[in-house]
Amino acid sequence: LSSCLKSYTPLKKNGTEKETAKCVCRLPHVSKDGVDNRIGSLQVEVLGCIGLPTKSRTTKPNTAIYLICSDAAFCTDVVENTSSPSWPCRSRRAALFPLYHAYAQLHAGVFFVASSRNKNANDEFVGRVGIDVAALRP
């Protein structure tokens, strides 16, 4: 999943593109006449996780969250060495997802990130949640 994450470039009102957040990707939803088909946007901020499972008491995991909504994806910064990670305010923890229909779902997955020393190791899946965007209220 992390290999598909690129930069997210939403359309401005005048039709030009601007990079806003690294690590988010999307496919363009612009009609042939150049009209942006978005019906709104979803702002998501990851604050923390509490009590993630660990394999041993001596080693603490490095944790990252992957968020996916429609055709856009986002990855938080990695929080190291804790089973209850919280993302600091200056870390990459917030995303703005474009919405193109009322039945979109937000999916969040928690992963233990493999050590950079072990190039052959994969990230370990911990858990996930799916949220219906239509059920959310401002």
C-alpha atoms as a PDB file:
ATOM      1  CA  LEU A   1       0.000   0.000   0.000  1.00  0.00           C
ATOM      2  CA  SER A   2       2.740   2.481   0.865  1.00  0.00           C
ATOM      3  CA  SER A   3       4.218   2.194  -2.638  1.00  0.00           C
ATOM      4  CA  CYS A   4       1.005   3.632  -4.162  1.00  0.00           C
ATOM      5  CA  LEU A   5       0.955   6.722  -1.967  1.00  0.00           C
ATOM      6  CA  LYS A   6       1.805   9.817  -3.957  1.00  0.00           C
ATOM      7  CA  SER A   7       1.055  13.507  -3.532  1.00  0.00           C
ATOM      8  CA  TYR A   8      -2.538  14.731  -3.425  1.00  0.00           C
ATOM      9  CA  THR A   9      -3.379  17.595  -5.756  1.00  0.00           C
ATOM     10  CA  PRO A  10      -6.904  18.986  -5.354  1.00  0.00           C
ATOM     11  CA  LEU A  11      -8.255  21.431  -7.916  1.00  0.00           C
ATOM     12  CA  LYS A  12      -8.531  25.093  -7.041  1.00  0.00           C
ATOM     13  CA  LYS A  13     -11.558  27.125  -8.138  1.00  0.00           C
ATOM     14  CA  ASN A  14      -9.707  28.502 -11.154  1.00  0.00           C
ATOM     15  CA  GLY A  15      -8.834  24.963 -12.340  1.00  0.00           C
ATOM     16  CA  THR A  16      -5.119  24.927 -11.472  1.00  0.00           C
ATOM     17  CA  GLU A  17      -3.601  22.307  -9.227  1.00  0.00           C
ATOM     18  CA  LYS A  18      -1.759  22.801  -5.945  1.00  0.00           C
ATOM     19  CA  GLU A  19       0.059  20.250  -3.778  1.00  0.00           C
ATOM     20  CA  THR A  20      -1.358  20.263  -0.247  1.00  0.00           C
ATOM     21  CA  ALA A  21      -0.334  17.081   1.566  1.00  0.00           C
ATOM     22  CA  LYS A  22       2.377  14.597   0.807  1.00  0.00           C
ATOM     23  CA  CYS A  23       1.474  10.911   1.040  1.00  0.00           C
ATOM     24  CA  VAL A  24      -2.058  11.208  -0.353  1.00  0.00           C
ATOM     25  CA  CYS A  25      -3.053  10.059  -3.819  1.00  0.00           C
ATOM     26  CA  ARG A  26      -6.199  10.314  -5.909  1.00  0.00           C
ATOM     27  CA  LEU A  27      -7.496   9.851  -9.406  1.00  0.00           C
ATOM     28  CA  PRO A  28      -8.903  12.966 -11.077  1.00  0.00           C
ATOM     29  CA  HIS A  29     -12.703  13.358 -11.042  1.00  0.00           C
ATOM     30  CA  VAL A  30     -12.995  16.147 -13.555  1.00  0.00           C
ATOM     31  CA  SER A  31     -15.526  15.958 -16.365  1.00  0.00           C
ATOM     32  CA  LYS A  32     -14.625  16.532 -20.017  1.00  0.00           C
ATOM     33  CA  ASP A  33     -15.664  20.179 -19.788  1.00  0.00           C
ATOM     34  CA  GLY A  34     -13.294  20.776 -16.837  1.00  0.00           C
ATOM     35  CA  VAL A  35     -15.899  20.872 -14.052  1.00  0.00           C
ATOM     36  CA  ASP A  36     -14.834  19.438 -10.673  1.00  0.00           C
ATOM     37  CA  ASN A  37     -17.398  16.830  -9.568  1.00  0.00           C
ATOM     38  CA  ARG A  38     -16.777  17.049  -5.802  1.00  0.00           C
ATOM     39  CA  ILE A  39     -19.799  17.357  -3.514  1.00  0.00           C
ATOM     40  CA  GLY A  40     -17.671  18.223  -0.488  1.00  0.00           C
ATOM     41  CA  SER A  41     -14.674  17.145   1.529  1.00  0.00           C
ATOM     42  CA  LEU A  42     -13.899  15.130   4.648  1.00  0.00           C
ATOM     43  CA  GLN A  43     -11.310  16.357   7.146  1.00  0.00           C
ATOM     44  CA  VAL A  44      -9.712  13.604   9.234  1.00  0.00           C
ATOM     45  CA  GLU A  45      -7.162  13.928  12.025  1.00  0.00           C
ATOM     46  CA  VAL A  46      -5.529  10.942  13.748  1.00  0.00           C
ATOM     47  CA  LEU A  47      -4.879  11.679  17.418  1.00  0.00           C
ATOM     48  CA  GLY A  48      -3.850   8.326  18.871  1.00  0.00           C
ATOM     49  CA  CYS A  49      -4.446   4.657  19.648  1.00  0.00           C
ATOM     50  CA  ILE A  50      -4.814   3.125  23.090  1.00  0.00           C
ATOM     51  CA  GLY A  51      -3.614  -0.325  24.152  1.00  0.00           C
ATOM     52  CA  LEU A  52      -2.408  -1.881  20.903  1.00  0.00           C
ATOM     53  CA  PRO A  53      -1.376  -5.523  21.263  1.00  0.00           C
ATOM     54  CA  THR A  54       2.341  -6.344  21.411  1.00  0.00           C
ATOM     55  CA  LYS A  55       4.130  -9.630  20.866  1.00  0.00           C
ATOM     56  CA  SER A  56       6.480  -9.227  23.792  1.00  0.00           C
ATOM     57  CA  ARG A  57       6.787  -7.036  26.860  1.00  0.00           C
ATOM     58  CA  THR A  58      10.331  -5.945  26.040  1.00  0.00           C
ATOM     59  CA  THR A  59       9.848  -4.579  22.516  1.00  0.00           C
ATOM     60  CA  LYS A  60       7.443  -1.774  21.678  1.00  0.00           C
ATOM     61  CA  PRO A  61       6.071  -1.414  18.129  1.00  0.00           C
ATOM     62  CA  ASN A  62       6.499   1.397  15.630  1.00  0.00           C
ATOM     63  CA  THR A  63       2.973   2.356  14.506  1.00  0.00           C
ATOM     64  CA  ALA A  64       1.477   4.049  11.426  1.00  0.00           C
ATOM     65  CA  ILE A  65      -2.130   4.568  10.329  1.00  0.00           C
ATOM     66  CA  TYR A  66      -3.285   4.300   6.709  1.00  0.00           C
ATOM     67  CA  LEU A  67      -6.513   6.138   5.783  1.00  0.00           C
ATOM     68  CA  ILE A  68      -8.431   5.464   2.565  1.00  0.00           C
ATOM     69  CA  CYS A  69     -11.546   7.255   1.342  1.00  0.00           C
ATOM     70  CA  SER A  70     -12.867   6.533  -2.171  1.00  0.00           C
ATOM     71  CA  ASP A  71      -9.783   6.787  -4.386  1.00  0.00           C
ATOM     72  CA  ALA A  72      -7.610   8.868  -2.006  1.00  0.00           C
ATOM     73  CA  ALA A  73      -5.144   7.489   0.548  1.00  0.00           C
ATOM     74  CA  PHE A  74      -3.119   8.978   3.418  1.00  0.00           C
ATOM     75  CA  CYS A  75      -0.376   7.686   5.698  1.00  0.00           C
ATOM     76  CA  THR A  76       0.518   9.183   9.089  1.00  0.00           C
ATOM     77  CA  ASP A  77       4.029   9.598  10.392  1.00  0.00           C
ATOM     78  CA  VAL A  78       5.452   6.595  12.248  1.00  0.00           C
ATOM     79  CA  VAL A  79       5.284   6.814  16.057  1.00  0.00           C
ATOM     80  CA  GLU A  80       8.071   4.712  17.529  1.00  0.00           C
ATOM     81  CA  ASN A  81       8.376   2.471  20.574  1.00  0.00           C
ATOM     82  CA  THR A  82       4.939   2.627  22.201  1.00  0.00           C
ATOM     83  CA  SER A  83       1.852   0.430  22.417  1.00  0.00           C
ATOM     84  CA  SER A  84      -0.376   3.523  22.905  1.00  0.00           C
ATOM     85  CA  PRO A  85       0.841   5.960  20.248  1.00  0.00           C
ATOM     86  CA  SER A  86      -0.303   9.564  20.001  1.00  0.00           C
ATOM     87  CA  TRP A  87       0.679  11.800  17.111  1.00  0.00           C
ATOM     88  CA  PRO A  88       2.206  15.195  18.014  1.00  0.00           C
ATOM     89  CA  CYS A  89       0.588  18.331  16.588  1.00  0.00           C
ATOM     90  CA  ARG A  90       3.472  18.970  14.169  1.00  0.00           C
ATOM     91  CA  SER A  91       3.510  15.463  12.722  1.00  0.00           C
ATOM     92  CA  ARG A  92       1.763  14.315   9.559  1.00  0.00           C
ATOM     93  CA  ARG A  93      -1.555  13.246  11.088  1.00  0.00           C
ATOM     94  CA  ALA A  94      -4.342  15.116   9.225  1.00  0.00           C
ATOM     95  CA  ALA A  95      -5.811  14.738   5.743  1.00  0.00           C
ATOM     96  CA  LEU A  96      -8.492  16.358   3.608  1.00  0.00           C
ATOM     97  CA  PHE A  97     -10.306  13.834   1.407  1.00  0.00           C
ATOM     98  CA  PRO A  98     -12.446  14.924  -1.563  1.00  0.00           C
ATOM     99  CA  LEU A  99     -15.966  13.442  -1.656  1.00  0.00           C
ATOM    100  CA  TYR A 100     -17.661  12.650  -4.966  1.00  0.00           C
ATOM    101  CA  HIS A 101     -20.793  10.839  -3.732  1.00  0.00           C
ATOM    102  CA  ALA A 102     -22.843  10.577  -0.556  1.00  0.00           C
ATOM    103  CA  TYR A 103     -22.080   6.892   0.052  1.00  0.00           C
ATOM    104  CA  ALA A 104     -18.323   7.166   0.587  1.00  0.00           C
ATOM    105  CA  GLN A 105     -16.612   5.198   3.349  1.00  0.00           C
ATOM    106  CA  LEU A 106     -13.504   6.065   5.333  1.00  0.00           C
ATOM    107  CA  HIS A 107     -11.265   3.085   6.100  1.00  0.00           C
ATOM    108  CA  ALA A 108      -8.510   3.320   8.710  1.00  0.00           C
ATOM    109  CA  GLY A 109      -5.906   0.590   9.131  1.00  0.00           C
ATOM    110  CA  VAL A 110      -3.340   0.289  11.916  1.00  0.00           C
ATOM    111  CA  PHE A 111       0.036  -1.238  11.072  1.00  0.00           C
ATOM    112  CA  PHE A 112       3.199  -2.009  12.996  1.00  0.00           C
ATOM    113  CA  VAL A 113       5.960  -0.701  10.744  1.00  0.00           C
ATOM    114  CA  ALA A 114       8.905  -2.991  10.091  1.00  0.00           C
ATOM    115  CA  SER A 115      12.331  -1.829  11.185  1.00  0.00           C
ATOM    116  CA  SER A 116      14.351   0.023   8.564  1.00  0.00           C
ATOM    117  CA  ARG A 117      17.254  -2.332   9.354  1.00  0.00           C
ATOM    118  CA  ASN A 118      15.320  -5.339   8.049  1.00  0.00           C
ATOM    119  CA  LYS A 119      14.602  -4.612   4.367  1.00  0.00           C
ATOM    120  CA  ASN A 120      12.792  -7.947   3.789  1.00  0.00           C
ATOM    121  CA  ALA A 121      10.210  -7.490   6.574  1.00  0.00           C
ATOM    122  CA  ASN A 122       6.657  -6.311   5.816  1.00  0.00           C
ATOM    123  CA  ASP A 123       4.489  -4.073   7.945  1.00  0.00           C
ATOM    124  CA  GLU A 124       2.267  -6.077  10.299  1.00  0.00           C
ATOM    125  CA  PHE A 125      -1.494  -5.528  10.147  1.00  0.00           C
ATOM    126  CA  VAL A 126      -3.024  -4.813  13.581  1.00  0.00           C
ATOM    127  CA  GLY A 127      -6.616  -3.784  12.903  1.00  0.00           C
ATOM    128  CA  ARG A 128      -9.012  -1.687  10.863  1.00  0.00           C
ATOM    129  CA  VAL A 129     -12.259   0.251  11.044  1.00  0.00           C
ATOM    130  CA  GLY A 130     -14.723   1.379   8.380  1.00  0.00           C
ATOM    131  CA  ILE A 131     -16.862   4.501   8.829  1.00  0.00           C
ATOM    132  CA  ASP A 132     -19.836   5.500   6.666  1.00  0.00           C
ATOM    133  CA  VAL A 133     -19.364   9.158   5.800  1.00  0.00           C
ATOM    134  CA  ALA A 134     -23.138   9.638   5.465  1.00  0.00           C
ATOM    135  CA  ALA A 135     -23.533   8.735   9.162  1.00  0.00           C
ATOM    136  CA  LEU A 136     -21.197  11.562  10.282  1.00  0.00           C
ATOM    137  CA  ARG A 137     -22.574  14.920  11.439  1.00  0.00           C
ATOM    138  CA  PRO A 138     -20.747  18.272  11.412  1.00  0.00           C
END
